[in-house]
Amino acid sequence: MPPNTYTWISAWFLLSTPGCLMGCLLLPRSMVGGDLHWIWEPYGLYQEIDYVYGIKALQENNGFTSAQALLNLIEIALNIFYVYLAHVAKYPAASLVGFASATMTLSKTILYGAQEYYCNFCATGHNDLKTWVVYYIIPNGFWIVVPTLIVFKLGKDIASSIDVAARDLRKRAKGKEQ
């Protein structure tokens, strides 16, 4: 049985991959002053909003950005693998890969926000409230809301598949008893 596919989920995985890629392979080249900054021009503003992804963190050898970059590599692989399994191979377990990827994105984003909270807003506390909400909360909120919706949708599909398999096993067991 081929997996259920959802255009919006595949679109999220494909559209979020370049941002994840920039966050792991192109830093510091994508930062202001880097030779690839012209591709990611809006990122220059974000560097001033959130020091974790700015020159300050790089100069201070802040390991969080690099650690997240390593996890981004795994996330990118899962994103691409899900799209391949769901749309090319039509492999029934594609939903499990997509679920894992979305869970990873959600977990990383919550960790990122929690780290900022527990360090008393050490990387974003210099912003006024409007700037902080518009340029930090709202953009990062997408990285919580969309993966949460994906986790619920694919989780429901996985649970339904498990339920169907369990009913089939019960029928087979019942048939052997008779």
Protein backbone atom coordinates (compact mmCIF):
# COMPACT_ATOMS: atom_id res chain seq x y z
CA MET A 1 0.00 0.00 0.00
CA PRO A 2 1.60 3.33 -1.02
CA PRO A 3 1.93 6.02 1.64
CA ASN A 4 -0.44 8.94 1.95
CA THR A 5 1.27 11.96 0.48
CA TYR A 6 0.58 15.57 1.31
CA THR A 7 1.76 18.37 -0.93
CA TRP A 8 2.08 20.82 1.95
CA ILE A 9 4.33 18.43 3.91
CA SER A 10 6.57 17.74 0.93
CA ALA A 11 6.67 21.46 0.15
CA TRP A 12 7.74 22.23 3.73
CA PHE A 13 10.53 19.66 3.59
CA LEU A 14 11.77 20.93 0.23
CA LEU A 15 11.47 24.63 1.07
CA SER A 16 13.01 24.35 4.54
CA THR A 17 16.02 22.40 3.29
CA PRO A 18 17.90 25.40 1.79
CA GLY A 19 17.60 27.29 5.08
CA CYS A 20 18.90 24.28 6.98
CA LEU A 21 21.68 23.92 4.43
CA MET A 22 22.70 27.53 4.88
CA GLY A 23 22.70 26.97 8.62
CA CYS A 24 25.15 24.11 8.47
CA LEU A 25 27.39 24.32 5.47
CA LEU A 26 27.62 27.97 4.58
CA LEU A 27 28.35 29.66 7.91
CA PRO A 28 30.33 31.94 8.20
CA ARG A 29 30.41 32.45 4.42
CA SER A 30 26.70 33.42 4.40
CA MET A 31 27.22 36.03 7.12
CA VAL A 32 27.77 39.74 6.55
CA GLY A 33 31.23 40.07 5.04
CA GLY A 34 31.22 36.50 3.70
CA ASP A 35 31.59 35.81 -0.01
CA LEU A 36 28.16 34.12 -0.18
CA HIS A 37 26.26 36.72 1.83
CA TRP A 38 24.71 38.11 -1.36
CA ILE A 39 22.60 34.92 -1.63
CA TRP A 40 21.29 35.29 1.92
CA GLU A 41 21.04 39.10 2.14
CA PRO A 42 18.09 39.08 4.62
CA TYR A 43 20.23 36.97 6.93
CA GLY A 44 22.29 40.09 7.64
CA LEU A 45 19.34 41.56 9.52
CA TYR A 46 18.73 38.34 11.46
CA GLN A 47 22.36 38.31 12.60
CA GLU A 48 21.66 41.58 14.40
CA ILE A 49 18.43 40.26 15.96
CA ASP A 50 19.80 36.93 17.20
CA TYR A 51 23.45 36.79 18.16
CA VAL A 52 23.44 32.97 18.18
CA TYR A 53 23.48 33.12 14.38
CA GLY A 54 25.71 36.15 14.12
CA ILE A 55 29.34 37.14 14.09
CA LYS A 56 29.34 37.54 17.89
CA ALA A 57 28.69 33.80 18.42
CA LEU A 58 31.32 32.93 15.83
CA GLN A 59 33.92 35.16 17.49
CA GLU A 60 33.08 33.78 20.94
CA ASN A 61 33.33 30.18 19.73
CA ASN A 62 29.72 29.54 20.76
CA GLY A 63 29.23 25.85 20.07
CA PHE A 64 25.44 25.91 19.87
CA THR A 65 25.35 27.14 16.28
CA SER A 66 27.79 24.47 15.11
CA ALA A 67 26.02 21.74 17.09
CA GLN A 68 22.71 22.72 15.52
CA ALA A 69 24.41 22.74 12.12
CA LEU A 70 25.43 19.12 12.62
CA LEU A 71 21.83 18.21 13.41
CA ASN A 72 20.72 20.17 10.34
CA LEU A 73 22.70 17.74 8.18
CA ILE A 74 20.66 14.84 9.55
CA GLU A 75 17.45 16.83 9.14
CA ILE A 76 18.29 17.65 5.51
CA ALA A 77 18.94 13.98 4.77
CA LEU A 78 15.62 12.98 6.37
CA ASN A 79 13.72 15.71 4.49
CA ILE A 80 15.06 14.58 1.13
CA PHE A 81 14.68 10.90 2.02
CA TYR A 82 11.00 11.44 2.97
CA VAL A 83 10.23 13.17 -0.34
CA TYR A 84 11.99 10.38 -2.24
CA LEU A 85 10.24 7.58 -0.31
CA ALA A 86 6.82 9.24 -0.50
CA HIS A 87 6.82 10.41 -4.11
CA VAL A 88 9.34 8.30 -6.01
CA ALA A 89 9.65 4.94 -4.25
CA LYS A 90 6.10 5.16 -2.83
CA TYR A 91 7.38 3.25 0.18
CA PRO A 92 4.73 2.68 2.88
CA ALA A 93 7.07 3.66 5.74
CA ALA A 94 7.77 7.12 4.27
CA SER A 95 5.50 8.62 6.92
CA LEU A 96 7.82 7.32 9.63
CA VAL A 97 10.79 9.15 8.07
CA GLY A 98 8.76 12.36 7.72
CA PHE A 99 7.54 12.02 11.30
CA ALA A 100 11.12 11.63 12.53
CA SER A 101 12.30 14.65 10.54
CA ALA A 102 9.46 16.89 11.74
CA THR A 103 9.99 15.73 15.32
CA MET A 104 13.66 16.59 15.00
CA THR A 105 12.90 20.05 13.64
CA LEU A 106 10.37 20.68 16.40
CA SER A 107 12.72 19.46 19.12
CA LYS A 108 15.64 21.54 17.84
CA THR A 109 13.50 24.67 17.69
CA ILE A 110 12.14 24.17 21.20
CA LEU A 111 15.68 23.56 22.46
CA TYR A 112 16.81 26.72 20.69
CA GLY A 113 14.07 28.78 22.35
CA ALA A 114 14.57 27.13 25.73
CA GLN A 115 18.31 27.82 25.60
CA GLU A 116 17.53 31.49 24.95
CA TYR A 117 15.06 31.58 27.83
CA TYR A 118 17.42 29.88 30.30
CA CYS A 119 20.33 32.19 29.48
CA ASN A 120 18.05 35.15 30.25
CA PHE A 121 17.71 36.10 26.57
CA CYS A 122 21.46 36.47 26.20
CA ALA A 123 21.33 36.48 22.39
CA THR A 124 18.08 38.36 21.71
CA GLY A 125 17.44 40.45 24.81
CA HIS A 126 19.01 43.54 23.25
CA ASN A 127 15.98 43.96 20.93
CA ASP A 128 12.91 46.07 21.67
CA LEU A 129 9.66 44.10 22.04
CA LYS A 130 8.34 44.80 18.53
CA THR A 131 11.62 43.79 16.86
CA TRP A 132 11.86 40.69 19.03
CA VAL A 133 8.31 39.56 18.20
CA VAL A 134 8.43 40.37 14.47
CA TYR A 135 11.93 39.07 13.74
CA TYR A 136 12.49 36.38 16.36
CA ILE A 137 9.19 34.99 17.68
CA ILE A 138 7.17 34.93 14.45
CA PRO A 139 9.85 33.42 12.17
CA ASN A 140 10.82 30.82 14.77
CA GLY A 141 7.14 30.16 15.41
CA PHE A 142 6.82 28.75 11.89
CA TRP A 143 9.52 26.21 12.84
CA ILE A 144 7.27 25.10 15.71
CA VAL A 145 3.79 25.32 14.17
CA VAL A 146 4.45 23.61 10.83
CA PRO A 147 6.48 20.67 12.22
CA THR A 148 3.83 20.21 14.93
CA LEU A 149 1.14 19.94 12.26
CA ILE A 150 3.30 17.48 10.33
CA VAL A 151 3.90 15.37 13.45
CA PHE A 152 0.15 15.20 14.10
CA LYS A 153 -0.76 14.40 10.48
CA LEU A 154 1.92 11.76 9.90
CA GLY A 155 1.48 10.41 13.43
CA LYS A 156 -2.20 9.86 12.68
CA ASP A 157 -1.26 8.02 9.46
CA ILE A 158 1.25 5.85 11.32
CA ALA A 159 -1.27 5.06 14.07
CA SER A 160 -3.89 4.14 11.43
CA SER A 161 -1.41 1.82 9.71
CA ILE A 162 -0.59 0.14 13.00
CA ASP A 163 -4.30 -0.26 13.73
CA VAL A 164 -4.97 -1.83 10.31
CA ALA A 165 -2.04 -4.22 10.75
CA ALA A 166 -3.22 -5.17 14.25
CA ARG A 167 -6.76 -5.89 13.01
CA ASP A 168 -5.33 -8.01 10.19
CA LEU A 169 -3.23 -9.99 12.64
CA ARG A 170 -6.25 -10.58 14.87
CA LYS A 171 -8.29 -11.79 11.87
CA ARG A 172 -5.52 -14.17 10.84
CA ALA A 173 -5.15 -15.49 14.38
CA LYS A 174 -8.91 -15.95 14.66
CA GLY A 175 -8.98 -17.76 11.30
CA LYS A 176 -6.30 -20.21 12.42
CA GLU A 177 -8.24 -21.01 15.59
CA GLN A 178 -11.30 -22.14 13.62
